[in-house]
């Protein structure tokens, strides 16, 4: 999409999000926004660097635990708890990334999965996580001492602001020279190295940024539901964010947001089907792979690009005909 088209789409999306609490339950909307930010962060790594991580739940879940513990037990302010969760996730991203980026393809994915399972078992055993009970009844203290987030609608707009900041940060990164190098590494890493770019450093920085933003999403989600549990750090969570990204559109800015909306909506409105929700999600994934190979947003963008190219190519043809 052209820049002008992107701005219109973003304006419409955020315009709808601004009025959404008047029509839809705010808690559901906040859940969608948290997972949308998580998916956007994950897509930065997979869609623009080409690194498939099966362990991103460790950043999401550990940040949720750190934020919940620091706010409830240590009495930290809400904003400090969220920043602490994001900082721990970024630090974990630095360590995990340093180990994992030395591998390629499926080996990279397996290393991240193995490390994520280590973090999961740590969370099962660590006293501060409270095992299967999790950290419950996390208080919602006023942000900056002024904004009362005990009201769901007020807190929704705070979560929307957090999502918007993360979304436009990723947008800026993707369209920066740094983002162009990431795309070059994804397309042909040996050639990028031959041009003088230190690919491992670029990949590590992208990994840390993705982990940190995932941590922001996890910490915010812990405050939304006032709970941090093993579900947040389970490998299923890593699978869900992969599904959101692929269904929405890999390598697109809006795709993960749409994918998160689809998957979270299915979980919410189809929960009456019990375990069959997983079967339905699997069917949706298969259909998306077979019919929408670029994802929902990817296919729409490709159709618009094709129509634009077709419209652009007719003009010179007509002009050449008139010259004769």
Protein backbone atom coordinates (compact mmCIF):
# COMPACT_ATOMS: atom_id res chain seq x y z
CA UNK A 1 0.00 0.00 0.00
CA UNK A 2 1.10 3.56 -0.68
CA UNK A 3 1.81 5.90 2.23
CA UNK A 4 -1.44 7.82 1.69
CA UNK A 5 -3.42 4.56 1.67
CA UNK A 6 -1.71 3.42 4.88
CA UNK A 7 -2.58 6.65 6.64
CA UNK A 8 -6.22 6.33 5.68
CA UNK A 9 -6.36 2.72 6.87
CA UNK A 10 -4.63 3.58 10.16
CA UNK A 11 -6.96 6.54 10.72
CA UNK A 12 -10.01 4.34 10.15
CA UNK A 13 -8.66 1.59 12.42
CA UNK A 14 -7.87 3.89 15.33
CA UNK A 15 -11.10 5.82 14.78
CA UNK A 16 -13.03 2.58 15.19
CA UNK A 17 -10.97 1.64 18.24
CA UNK A 18 -11.75 4.98 19.85
CA UNK A 19 -15.52 4.39 19.68
CA UNK A 20 -15.39 0.61 20.18
CA UNK A 21 -16.02 0.65 23.99
CA UNK A 22 -19.49 2.07 23.36
CA UNK A 23 -20.40 -1.07 21.42
CA UNK A 24 -18.19 -3.91 22.73
CA UNK A 25 -17.20 -5.10 26.21
CA UNK A 26 -13.99 -3.20 27.17
CA UNK A 27 -12.28 -6.21 28.77
CA UNK A 28 -12.60 -8.16 25.51
CA UNK A 29 -11.25 -5.19 23.54
CA UNK A 30 -8.28 -4.86 25.89
CA UNK A 31 -7.50 -8.54 25.46
CA UNK A 32 -7.54 -8.09 21.68
CA UNK A 33 -5.20 -5.08 21.92
CA UNK A 34 -2.74 -6.91 24.19
CA UNK A 35 -2.54 -9.88 21.86
CA UNK A 36 -2.42 -7.59 18.84
CA UNK A 37 0.67 -5.90 20.28
CA UNK A 38 2.14 -9.32 21.05
CA UNK A 39 1.53 -10.44 17.46
CA UNK A 40 2.94 -7.19 16.02
CA UNK A 41 6.10 -7.71 18.08
CA UNK A 42 6.39 -11.32 16.97
CA UNK A 43 5.82 -10.36 13.33
CA UNK A 44 8.76 -7.97 13.51
CA UNK A 45 10.95 -11.02 14.04
CA UNK A 46 9.29 -13.54 11.73
CA UNK A 47 7.87 -11.32 9.01
CA UNK A 48 10.78 -8.92 8.61
CA UNK A 49 13.83 -10.91 9.73
CA UNK A 50 12.65 -14.41 8.84
CA UNK A 51 13.31 -15.89 12.30
CA UNK A 52 10.63 -18.29 13.54
CA UNK A 53 10.57 -18.33 17.33
CA UNK A 54 8.56 -21.03 19.09
CA UNK A 55 9.34 -19.54 22.48
CA UNK A 56 7.96 -16.00 22.52
CA UNK A 57 5.58 -16.92 25.33
CA UNK A 58 8.55 -16.81 27.72
CA UNK A 59 8.84 -13.04 27.20
CA UNK A 60 5.09 -12.47 27.31
CA UNK A 61 4.54 -14.63 30.40
CA UNK A 62 7.63 -13.64 32.40
CA UNK A 63 6.82 -9.95 31.93
CA UNK A 64 3.31 -10.66 33.22
CA UNK A 65 4.75 -12.32 36.34
CA UNK A 66 7.28 -9.55 36.98
CA UNK A 67 4.69 -6.79 36.54
CA UNK A 68 2.13 -8.56 38.72
CA UNK A 69 4.64 -9.33 41.48
CA UNK A 70 6.23 -5.88 41.54
CA UNK A 71 2.85 -4.13 41.67
CA UNK A 72 1.11 -6.44 44.15
CA UNK A 73 3.94 -7.53 46.46
CA UNK A 74 6.45 -4.69 46.20
CA UNK A 75 3.81 -1.98 45.85
CA UNK A 76 5.33 -0.40 42.75
CA UNK A 77 3.32 2.08 40.64
CA UNK A 78 1.51 0.62 37.65
CA UNK A 79 3.73 2.25 35.05
CA UNK A 80 6.86 1.07 36.88
CA UNK A 81 5.52 -2.50 36.95
CA UNK A 82 4.88 -2.49 33.19
CA UNK A 83 8.34 -1.07 32.49
CA UNK A 84 9.91 -3.66 34.81
CA UNK A 85 8.16 -6.46 32.94
CA UNK A 86 9.30 -5.05 29.59
CA UNK A 87 12.88 -4.62 30.84
CA UNK A 88 13.07 -8.21 32.10
CA UNK A 89 11.64 -9.47 28.81
CA UNK A 90 14.19 -7.43 26.84
CA UNK A 91 17.03 -8.75 29.00
CA UNK A 92 15.80 -12.30 28.45
CA UNK A 93 15.60 -11.53 24.75
CA UNK A 94 19.25 -10.44 24.79
CA UNK A 95 20.34 -13.69 26.44
CA UNK A 96 18.10 -16.00 24.42
CA UNK A 97 18.84 -14.15 21.19
CA UNK A 98 22.59 -14.33 21.74
CA UNK A 99 22.30 -18.10 22.05
CA UNK A 100 19.68 -18.75 19.37
CA UNK A 101 20.69 -16.53 16.43
CA UNK A 102 23.79 -18.64 15.91
CA UNK A 103 21.41 -21.21 14.40
CA UNK A 104 19.25 -21.07 11.29
CA UNK A 105 15.78 -22.28 10.33
CA UNK A 106 14.29 -25.13 12.33
CA UNK A 107 17.34 -25.26 14.60
CA UNK A 108 16.70 -21.66 15.67
CA UNK A 109 13.04 -22.52 16.34
CA UNK A 110 13.96 -25.57 18.40
CA UNK A 111 16.49 -23.65 20.49
CA UNK A 112 13.88 -21.00 21.35
CA UNK A 113 11.32 -23.70 22.18
CA UNK A 114 13.78 -25.52 24.46
CA UNK A 115 14.70 -22.32 26.31
CA UNK A 116 11.02 -21.40 26.63
CA UNK A 117 10.29 -24.76 28.23
CA UNK A 118 13.10 -24.14 30.72
CA UNK A 119 11.47 -20.82 31.62
CA UNK A 120 8.09 -22.56 31.95
CA UNK A 121 9.42 -25.11 34.42
CA UNK A 122 11.15 -22.31 36.32
CA UNK A 123 7.78 -20.57 36.64
CA UNK A 124 6.20 -23.82 37.88
CA UNK A 125 8.80 -24.13 40.66
CA UNK A 126 9.61 -20.52 41.59
CA UNK A 127 7.91 -19.39 44.82
CA UNK A 128 7.06 -15.87 43.61
CA UNK A 129 4.92 -17.19 40.72
CA UNK A 130 2.75 -19.22 43.15
CA UNK A 131 2.69 -22.23 40.86
CA UNK A 132 -0.63 -23.22 39.33
CA UNK A 133 -2.52 -20.58 41.33
CA UNK A 134 -0.62 -17.74 39.69
CA UNK A 135 -0.49 -14.18 41.01
CA UNK A 136 -4.11 -13.18 41.49
CA UNK A 137 -5.93 -9.95 42.40
CA UNK A 138 -3.23 -7.68 40.99
CA UNK A 139 -4.27 -4.15 42.01
CA UNK A 140 -4.87 -1.47 39.43
CA UNK A 141 -3.20 1.59 40.90
CA UNK A 142 -3.67 5.01 39.28
CA UNK A 143 -1.22 5.65 36.44
CA UNK A 144 1.05 8.63 37.17
CA UNK A 145 -1.06 9.05 40.30
CA UNK A 146 -3.84 10.64 38.24
CA UNK A 147 -5.52 8.21 35.84
CA UNK A 148 -7.90 5.86 37.65
CA UNK A 149 -7.73 2.55 35.78
CA UNK A 150 -10.15 0.70 38.04
CA UNK A 151 -12.78 1.82 35.53
CA UNK A 152 -12.63 -0.54 32.54
CA UNK A 153 -13.42 2.13 29.94
CA UNK A 154 -10.70 4.44 31.25
CA UNK A 155 -8.21 1.59 31.36
CA UNK A 156 -9.19 0.64 27.80
CA UNK A 157 -7.96 3.98 26.50
CA UNK A 158 -4.71 3.55 28.44
CA UNK A 159 -4.24 0.11 26.83
CA UNK A 160 -5.11 1.63 23.44
CA UNK A 161 -2.40 4.27 23.95
CA UNK A 162 0.13 1.55 24.85
CA UNK A 163 -0.85 -0.46 21.78
CA UNK A 164 -0.66 2.61 19.52
CA UNK A 165 2.83 3.44 20.82
CA UNK A 166 4.07 -0.11 20.18
CA UNK A 167 2.34 -0.30 16.79
CA UNK A 168 3.85 2.92 15.47
CA UNK A 169 7.25 2.04 16.92
CA UNK A 170 7.26 -1.16 14.85
CA UNK A 171 5.95 0.78 11.84
CA UNK A 172 8.80 3.27 12.19
CA UNK A 173 11.38 0.52 12.61
CA UNK A 174 10.16 -1.38 9.55
CA UNK A 175 10.30 1.73 7.35
CA UNK A 176 13.67 2.91 8.64
CA UNK A 177 17.10 2.08 7.16
CA UNK A 178 17.45 -0.44 9.98
CA UNK A 179 14.25 -2.13 8.79
CA UNK A 180 15.51 -2.23 5.23
CA UNK A 181 18.63 -4.06 6.41
CA UNK A 182 16.44 -6.55 8.27
CA UNK A 183 14.52 -7.23 5.07
CA UNK A 184 17.78 -7.66 3.17
CA UNK A 185 18.93 -10.21 5.74
CA UNK A 186 15.63 -12.04 5.41
CA UNK A 187 15.86 -12.19 1.62
CA UNK A 188 19.56 -13.04 1.27
CA UNK A 189 21.69 -13.05 4.41
CA UNK A 190 25.02 -13.96 2.68
CA UNK A 191 24.61 -11.04 0.30
CA UNK A 192 23.81 -8.66 3.18
CA UNK A 193 26.97 -9.83 4.94
CA UNK A 194 28.97 -9.34 1.74
CA UNK A 195 27.76 -5.72 1.65
CA UNK A 196 29.34 -5.15 5.04
CA UNK A 197 26.35 -5.56 7.38
CA UNK A 198 26.86 -7.51 10.58
CA UNK A 199 23.79 -9.69 10.26
CA UNK A 200 24.01 -11.27 13.70
CA UNK A 201 24.01 -7.88 15.41
CA UNK A 202 21.00 -6.71 13.43
CA UNK A 203 19.12 -9.93 14.18
CA UNK A 204 19.99 -9.73 17.87
CA UNK A 205 18.76 -6.14 18.10
CA UNK A 206 15.51 -7.08 16.36
CA UNK A 207 15.12 -10.05 18.71
CA UNK A 208 15.57 -7.84 21.79
CA UNK A 209 13.11 -5.27 20.46
CA UNK A 210 10.56 -7.99 19.70
CA UNK A 211 11.02 -9.52 23.17
CA UNK A 212 10.67 -6.15 24.90
CA UNK A 213 7.44 -5.30 23.09
CA UNK A 214 6.12 -8.78 23.84
CA UNK A 215 6.90 -8.03 27.48
CA UNK A 216 4.89 -4.80 27.33
CA UNK A 217 1.95 -6.80 25.97
CA UNK A 218 2.27 -9.46 28.68
CA UNK A 219 2.59 -6.95 31.53
CA UNK A 220 -0.43 -5.01 30.28
CA UNK A 221 -2.45 -8.21 29.94
CA UNK A 222 -1.66 -9.12 33.56
CA UNK A 223 -3.16 -5.82 34.66
CA UNK A 224 -6.20 -6.17 32.43
CA UNK A 225 -7.17 -9.51 33.97
CA UNK A 226 -5.41 -8.80 37.29
CA UNK A 227 -3.78 -12.20 36.93
CA UNK A 228 -0.47 -13.73 35.85
CA UNK A 229 -0.59 -17.49 35.38
CA UNK A 230 1.21 -20.41 33.78
CA UNK A 231 -1.06 -20.03 30.74
CA UNK A 232 0.86 -16.89 29.82
CA UNK A 233 4.20 -18.72 29.64
CA UNK A 234 2.96 -22.02 28.22
CA UNK A 235 4.16 -23.13 24.78
CA UNK A 236 0.53 -22.97 23.59
CA UNK A 237 0.80 -19.18 23.86
CA UNK A 238 3.76 -19.24 21.47
CA UNK A 239 1.68 -21.30 19.04
CA UNK A 240 -1.22 -18.86 19.26
CA UNK A 241 0.90 -15.84 18.34
CA UNK A 242 2.28 -17.74 15.33
CA UNK A 243 -1.30 -18.53 14.29
CA UNK A 244 -2.38 -14.90 14.69
CA UNK A 245 0.49 -13.68 12.54
CA UNK A 246 -0.01 -16.20 9.75
CA UNK A 247 -3.80 -15.82 9.60
CA UNK A 248 -3.61 -12.03 9.56
CA UNK A 249 -0.72 -11.70 7.14
CA UNK A 250 2.97 -12.39 7.61
CA UNK A 251 5.23 -9.44 6.88
CA UNK A 252 2.45 -6.84 7.00
CA UNK A 253 1.93 -4.19 9.66
CA UNK A 254 -1.84 -4.63 10.01
CA UNK A 255 -1.91 -8.41 9.52
CA UNK A 256 -1.05 -9.41 13.10
CA UNK A 257 -3.67 -6.98 14.44
CA UNK A 258 -6.37 -8.55 12.26
CA UNK A 259 -5.15 -12.04 13.07
CA UNK A 260 -5.24 -11.32 16.81
CA UNK A 261 -8.79 -10.01 16.46
CA UNK A 262 -9.88 -13.16 14.61
CA UNK A 263 -8.27 -15.67 16.99
CA UNK A 264 -9.30 -13.89 20.22
CA UNK A 265 -12.85 -13.50 18.90
CA UNK A 266 -13.01 -17.20 18.12
CA UNK A 267 -11.79 -18.08 21.60
CA UNK A 268 -14.33 -15.75 23.17
CA UNK A 269 -17.45 -16.44 21.14
CA UNK A 270 -16.84 -20.15 20.53
CA UNK A 271 -15.87 -21.07 24.09
CA UNK A 272 -19.18 -22.91 24.43
CA UNK A 273 -17.70 -25.59 22.16
CA UNK A 274 -15.05 -26.43 24.78
CA UNK A 275 -12.02 -28.25 23.40
CA UNK A 276 -13.53 -28.11 19.92
CA UNK A 277 -12.35 -24.51 19.72
CA UNK A 278 -8.85 -25.87 19.07
CA UNK A 279 -10.19 -28.00 16.23
CA UNK A 280 -11.96 -24.99 14.75
CA UNK A 281 -8.80 -22.92 15.06
CA UNK A 282 -6.90 -25.66 13.27
CA UNK A 283 -9.47 -25.67 10.47
CA UNK A 284 -9.21 -21.89 10.15
CA UNK A 285 -5.43 -22.18 9.97
CA UNK A 286 -5.63 -24.82 7.22
CA UNK A 287 -8.11 -22.70 5.24
CA UNK A 288 -5.92 -19.63 5.67
CA UNK A 289 -2.87 -21.51 4.40
CA UNK A 290 -4.73 -22.99 1.41
CA UNK A 291 -6.91 -20.03 0.41
CA UNK A 292 -5.21 -16.97 1.92
CA UNK A 293 -1.58 -17.94 1.54
CA UNK A 294 -0.46 -14.40 2.34
CA UNK A 295 -2.96 -14.05 5.19
CA UNK A 296 -6.11 -11.95 5.19
CA UNK A 297 -4.39 -8.56 5.00
CA UNK A 298 -1.67 -9.89 2.71
CA UNK A 299 -4.20 -11.11 0.15
CA UNK A 300 -6.14 -7.84 0.27
CA UNK A 301 -2.94 -5.84 -0.20
CA UNK A 302 -1.88 -8.07 -3.11
CA UNK A 303 -5.27 -7.65 -4.80
CA UNK A 304 -5.08 -3.87 -4.44
CA UNK A 305 -1.52 -3.88 -5.79
CA UNK A 306 -2.55 -6.02 -8.77
CA UNK A 307 -5.50 -3.76 -9.56
CA UNK A 308 -3.29 -0.69 -9.24
CA UNK A 309 -0.68 -2.18 -11.54
CA UNK A 310 -3.35 -3.18 -14.01
CA UNK A 311 -4.85 0.31 -13.96
CA UNK A 312 -1.42 1.87 -14.37
CA UNK A 313 -0.49 -0.34 -17.31
CA UNK A 314 -3.59 0.54 -19.36
CA UNK A 315 -2.74 4.23 -19.51
CA UNK A 316 0.54 3.89 -21.47
CA UNK A 317 -1.10 1.39 -23.80
CA UNK A 318 -3.88 3.81 -24.61
CA UNK A 319 -1.39 6.59 -25.05
CA UNK A 320 0.71 4.54 -27.44
CA UNK A 321 -2.39 3.69 -29.42
CA UNK A 322 -3.34 7.35 -29.77
CA UNK A 323 0.15 8.26 -30.97
CA UNK A 324 -0.36 6.05 -33.96
